[in-house]
């Protein structure tokens, strides 16, 4: 499946920002299941790419001069192998057994993981866990924030893709299964779900398998991966800091289209 993606992020400030720094993980990489046909990043100035500790392509945009707005644009085309379920990796999965502040499993999450997986540590068990979390945590935009932990979202019984993913990671790691957060894009006809998306990957046997709790999908046939990490903070597409500026407003627009659909309309 060929996908066309455009992601525009605009920050506007009540007053001029003195300085700002943005950490951008907006550039996907080639892998066994995705081939980058073309990709462009439009920023206020030229920025060199580098790799972060998790192997993601990272651009660090520093603005030293006063500015009242900031516009970031990423766009391109990617070919997705819809039939590939497993993605191999030469790097050890063991670092993704570590927990983080956002993915700590409390007693409730530990019990939930055991309830749905028992002694099983296979893909079927994690698919059962995925469906269990989707049943327990209703998709509810606005119920949580970027700082909400897995335990808090689970206790509240709702959240968005970030919360679903954090809860899955907490459960999987509590079972001794390496699991990581994935940020990226999803091609969907459901207008209630944003095209900018998050899901989980778990290491089973000899590779990474995907688990999209929000959409109950265990095959990433419409997913484009941007970055991975222990949690949202490691893998989010845009994360920054600033000095000055007063009140801030952020507008993000993401369009993900199947090129096959466009050609046959």
Protein backbone atom coordinates (compact mmCIF):
# COMPACT_ATOMS: atom_id res chain seq x y z
CA UNK A 1 0.00 0.00 0.00
CA UNK A 2 1.34 3.40 -0.98
CA UNK A 3 0.57 6.25 1.40
CA UNK A 4 0.83 10.01 0.95
CA UNK A 5 1.39 11.97 4.17
CA UNK A 6 1.39 15.65 5.03
CA UNK A 7 1.86 16.87 8.59
CA UNK A 8 1.66 20.62 9.34
CA UNK A 9 2.30 21.95 12.85
CA UNK A 10 1.84 25.67 13.61
CA UNK A 11 2.68 27.30 16.93
CA UNK A 12 1.35 30.80 17.60
CA UNK A 13 2.27 32.92 20.62
CA UNK A 14 0.62 35.86 22.34
CA UNK A 15 4.00 37.58 22.63
CA UNK A 16 7.31 37.11 20.90
CA UNK A 17 9.33 34.09 21.95
CA UNK A 18 12.91 34.99 22.83
CA UNK A 19 14.41 31.56 22.12
CA UNK A 20 13.03 28.10 21.45
CA UNK A 21 14.26 24.60 20.77
CA UNK A 22 12.26 21.85 19.07
CA UNK A 23 13.14 18.15 18.99
CA UNK A 24 11.66 16.75 15.79
CA UNK A 25 11.17 13.06 15.03
CA UNK A 26 9.28 13.65 11.81
CA UNK A 27 11.38 11.59 9.40
CA UNK A 28 10.63 7.88 8.85
CA UNK A 29 13.22 5.30 7.92
CA UNK A 30 13.31 2.36 5.52
CA UNK A 31 12.65 -1.02 7.08
CA UNK A 32 11.37 -4.46 6.16
CA UNK A 33 7.79 -3.21 6.09
CA UNK A 34 8.11 0.37 4.85
CA UNK A 35 10.03 1.91 1.95
CA UNK A 36 10.40 5.68 1.79
CA UNK A 37 9.71 6.81 -1.76
CA UNK A 38 10.27 10.50 -0.97
CA UNK A 39 10.26 12.61 2.17
CA UNK A 40 10.65 16.33 2.81
CA UNK A 41 10.98 18.40 5.94
CA UNK A 42 10.33 22.15 5.71
CA UNK A 43 11.66 24.15 8.66
CA UNK A 44 12.42 27.85 9.27
CA UNK A 45 16.12 27.08 8.83
CA UNK A 46 18.41 24.30 7.67
CA UNK A 47 18.95 21.64 10.33
CA UNK A 48 21.23 18.62 10.17
CA UNK A 49 19.83 15.23 11.01
CA UNK A 50 21.23 12.96 13.72
CA UNK A 51 20.25 9.75 15.49
CA UNK A 52 18.86 9.65 19.01
CA UNK A 53 19.65 6.83 21.49
CA UNK A 54 16.83 4.68 20.07
CA UNK A 55 18.00 4.99 16.47
CA UNK A 56 15.34 7.50 15.42
CA UNK A 57 16.18 10.28 12.98
CA UNK A 58 16.22 13.47 15.03
CA UNK A 59 16.36 17.12 13.98
CA UNK A 60 17.02 19.74 16.65
CA UNK A 61 15.68 23.13 15.60
CA UNK A 62 17.02 26.07 17.62
CA UNK A 63 15.57 29.56 17.12
CA UNK A 64 17.71 32.21 18.82
CA UNK A 65 15.98 35.27 17.36
CA UNK A 66 12.57 36.56 18.55
CA UNK A 67 9.60 35.00 16.76
CA UNK A 68 5.84 35.09 17.11
CA UNK A 69 5.04 31.85 15.32
CA UNK A 70 6.65 28.61 14.22
CA UNK A 71 5.60 26.45 11.26
CA UNK A 72 6.87 22.88 10.77
CA UNK A 73 5.93 20.75 7.76
CA UNK A 74 6.72 17.15 6.86
CA UNK A 75 5.41 15.39 3.78
CA UNK A 76 6.17 12.50 1.48
CA UNK A 77 5.18 9.12 0.10
CA UNK A 78 5.82 5.69 1.56
CA UNK A 79 5.22 2.14 0.33
CA UNK A 80 3.91 -0.17 3.09
CA UNK A 81 4.23 -3.96 2.89
CA UNK A 82 0.72 -4.83 4.10
CA UNK A 83 1.47 -8.55 4.37
CA UNK A 84 4.46 -8.32 6.70
CA UNK A 85 3.62 -8.88 10.36
CA UNK A 86 7.09 -9.38 11.84
CA UNK A 87 9.88 -6.79 11.77
CA UNK A 88 13.35 -8.01 12.65
CA UNK A 89 15.98 -5.86 14.34
CA UNK A 90 19.70 -6.42 14.86
CA UNK A 91 19.64 -4.47 18.12
CA UNK A 92 18.89 -6.13 21.45
CA UNK A 93 15.28 -5.74 22.64
CA UNK A 94 16.30 -5.91 26.31
CA UNK A 95 16.43 -2.10 26.85
CA UNK A 96 12.66 -2.10 26.27
CA UNK A 97 12.11 -4.17 29.39
CA UNK A 98 12.80 -0.99 31.34
CA UNK A 99 9.88 0.99 32.64
CA UNK A 100 9.40 4.75 32.71
CA UNK A 101 7.38 7.24 34.73
CA UNK A 102 4.53 7.05 32.20
CA UNK A 103 4.52 3.25 31.95
CA UNK A 104 4.81 2.00 35.53
CA UNK A 105 2.53 -0.97 36.14
CA UNK A 106 0.66 -0.68 39.43
CA UNK A 107 -1.15 -3.57 41.12
CA UNK A 108 -4.24 -3.12 38.92
CA UNK A 109 -2.25 -3.29 35.65
CA UNK A 110 -0.19 -6.22 36.91
CA UNK A 111 -3.36 -8.14 37.77
CA UNK A 112 -4.97 -7.22 34.43
CA UNK A 113 -1.95 -8.56 32.52
CA UNK A 114 -2.02 -11.86 34.40
CA UNK A 115 -5.80 -12.11 33.98
CA UNK A 116 -5.58 -11.92 30.18
CA UNK A 117 -2.27 -13.70 29.57
CA UNK A 118 -1.85 -16.12 32.47
CA UNK A 119 1.38 -18.04 31.89
CA UNK A 120 1.26 -17.49 28.12
CA UNK A 121 3.93 -15.30 26.57
CA UNK A 122 3.00 -15.52 22.92
CA UNK A 123 1.29 -13.36 20.30
CA UNK A 124 -2.15 -14.80 20.98
CA UNK A 125 -1.84 -13.79 24.62
CA UNK A 126 -0.88 -10.23 23.71
CA UNK A 127 -3.75 -10.01 21.22
CA UNK A 128 -6.08 -10.99 24.08
CA UNK A 129 -4.45 -8.31 26.21
CA UNK A 130 -4.92 -5.76 23.42
CA UNK A 131 -8.65 -6.48 23.17
CA UNK A 132 -8.99 -6.47 26.95
CA UNK A 133 -7.46 -3.01 27.22
CA UNK A 134 -9.62 -1.73 24.35
CA UNK A 135 -12.72 -2.96 26.20
CA UNK A 136 -11.63 -1.45 29.51
CA UNK A 137 -10.31 1.90 28.24
CA UNK A 138 -12.90 3.69 26.10
CA UNK A 139 -11.52 5.97 23.39
CA UNK A 140 -12.23 9.37 24.94
CA UNK A 141 -10.33 12.43 23.64
CA UNK A 142 -9.88 15.04 26.35
CA UNK A 143 -10.05 12.58 29.21
CA UNK A 144 -6.27 12.61 29.66
CA UNK A 145 -3.22 14.81 28.99
CA UNK A 146 0.29 14.09 27.71
CA UNK A 147 1.38 13.74 31.36
CA UNK A 148 -1.20 11.09 32.27
CA UNK A 149 0.40 7.82 33.32
CA UNK A 150 -0.68 4.35 32.24
CA UNK A 151 -2.00 3.62 35.74
CA UNK A 152 -4.03 6.84 35.84
CA UNK A 153 -5.59 6.30 32.42
CA UNK A 154 -6.35 2.66 33.22
CA UNK A 155 -7.99 3.62 36.51
CA UNK A 156 -10.07 6.26 34.70
CA UNK A 157 -11.20 3.72 32.11
CA UNK A 158 -10.55 5.95 29.11
CA UNK A 159 -8.05 7.85 27.01
CA UNK A 160 -6.53 8.08 23.56
CA UNK A 161 -3.96 6.09 21.58
CA UNK A 162 -1.11 7.35 23.77
CA UNK A 163 -2.83 6.04 26.91
CA UNK A 164 -3.77 2.73 25.29
CA UNK A 165 -0.16 2.25 24.25
CA UNK A 166 1.26 3.16 27.66
CA UNK A 167 -1.09 0.70 29.37
CA UNK A 168 -0.12 -2.08 26.94
CA UNK A 169 3.58 -1.38 27.49
CA UNK A 170 3.15 -1.46 31.27
CA UNK A 171 1.35 -4.81 31.09
CA UNK A 172 3.75 -6.41 28.60
CA UNK A 173 6.87 -5.37 30.51
CA UNK A 174 5.33 -6.63 33.77
CA UNK A 175 5.15 -10.04 32.06
CA UNK A 176 8.81 -9.88 31.10
CA UNK A 177 8.14 -9.08 27.43
CA UNK A 178 10.17 -6.23 25.84
CA UNK A 179 7.78 -3.63 24.45
CA UNK A 180 8.23 -0.18 22.94
CA UNK A 181 6.18 2.90 22.07
CA UNK A 182 5.73 3.71 18.37
CA UNK A 183 4.71 7.08 16.95
CA UNK A 184 3.60 7.48 13.38
CA UNK A 185 0.64 7.80 11.06
CA UNK A 186 -2.42 5.70 10.33
CA UNK A 187 -4.47 5.66 7.15
CA UNK A 188 -8.09 5.46 8.31
CA UNK A 189 -11.53 6.47 7.10
CA UNK A 190 -12.67 7.11 10.69
CA UNK A 191 -12.67 10.89 11.07
CA UNK A 192 -12.94 10.54 14.86
CA UNK A 193 -9.40 9.16 15.01
CA UNK A 194 -6.52 11.45 14.08
CA UNK A 195 -4.14 10.29 11.37
CA UNK A 196 -1.26 11.03 13.74
CA UNK A 197 -1.13 7.87 15.81
CA UNK A 198 0.62 5.74 18.43
CA UNK A 199 0.76 1.99 18.97
CA UNK A 200 2.94 -0.62 20.65
CA UNK A 201 5.45 -3.18 19.48
CA UNK A 202 6.39 -6.26 21.51
CA UNK A 203 9.36 -8.55 21.00
CA UNK A 204 8.34 -12.18 20.54
CA UNK A 205 10.64 -14.95 19.33
CA UNK A 206 12.92 -13.11 16.92
CA UNK A 207 11.23 -9.83 16.04
CA UNK A 208 8.81 -7.02 16.77
CA UNK A 209 5.06 -7.46 16.42
CA UNK A 210 2.62 -4.53 16.39
CA UNK A 211 -0.38 -4.08 18.69
CA UNK A 212 -2.67 -1.14 18.01
CA UNK A 213 -4.99 -1.16 21.03
CA UNK A 214 -7.09 1.80 19.86
CA UNK A 215 -8.07 0.10 16.61
CA UNK A 216 -7.71 -3.52 17.79
CA UNK A 217 -5.19 -4.23 15.04
CA UNK A 218 -2.34 -6.73 15.32
CA UNK A 219 -1.16 -6.17 11.76
CA UNK A 220 0.29 -2.73 10.87
CA UNK A 221 -0.94 -2.77 7.28
CA UNK A 222 -1.94 0.93 7.26
CA UNK A 223 0.67 2.21 9.70
CA UNK A 224 3.74 4.33 8.95
CA UNK A 225 6.34 4.29 11.72
CA UNK A 226 8.18 7.49 12.62
CA UNK A 227 9.97 6.77 15.90
CA UNK A 228 10.21 4.38 18.84
CA UNK A 229 11.02 4.73 22.53
CA UNK A 230 10.14 3.73 26.06
CA UNK A 231 7.12 6.03 26.00
CA UNK A 232 5.53 9.10 24.41
CA UNK A 233 8.30 11.44 25.54
CA UNK A 234 10.94 9.43 23.66
CA UNK A 235 9.05 9.10 20.40
CA UNK A 236 6.63 12.01 19.97
CA UNK A 237 7.02 13.73 16.57
CA UNK A 238 7.39 17.25 18.00
CA UNK A 239 8.54 18.24 21.48
CA UNK A 240 10.02 21.57 22.48
CA UNK A 241 10.85 24.25 25.01
CA UNK A 242 10.78 28.03 24.80
CA UNK A 243 11.56 31.20 26.73
CA UNK A 244 8.91 33.91 26.59
CA UNK A 245 5.93 34.03 24.29
CA UNK A 246 3.11 34.07 26.82
CA UNK A 247 0.07 32.01 25.91
CA UNK A 248 0.59 29.41 23.19
CA UNK A 249 -1.76 27.86 20.65
CA UNK A 250 -0.85 24.83 18.55
CA UNK A 251 -2.60 23.66 15.40
CA UNK A 252 -1.67 20.29 13.92
CA UNK A 253 -3.07 19.07 10.62
CA UNK A 254 -2.30 15.58 9.39
CA UNK A 255 -3.46 14.07 6.11
CA UNK A 256 -2.77 10.42 5.32
CA UNK A 257 -4.12 9.15 2.01
CA UNK A 258 -3.88 5.86 0.19
CA UNK A 259 -2.52 6.60 -3.29
CA UNK A 260 -4.43 3.59 -4.60
CA UNK A 261 -7.69 5.18 -3.44
CA UNK A 262 -6.79 8.52 -5.00
CA UNK A 263 -5.99 6.93 -8.38
CA UNK A 264 -9.32 5.08 -8.43
CA UNK A 265 -11.65 7.88 -7.40
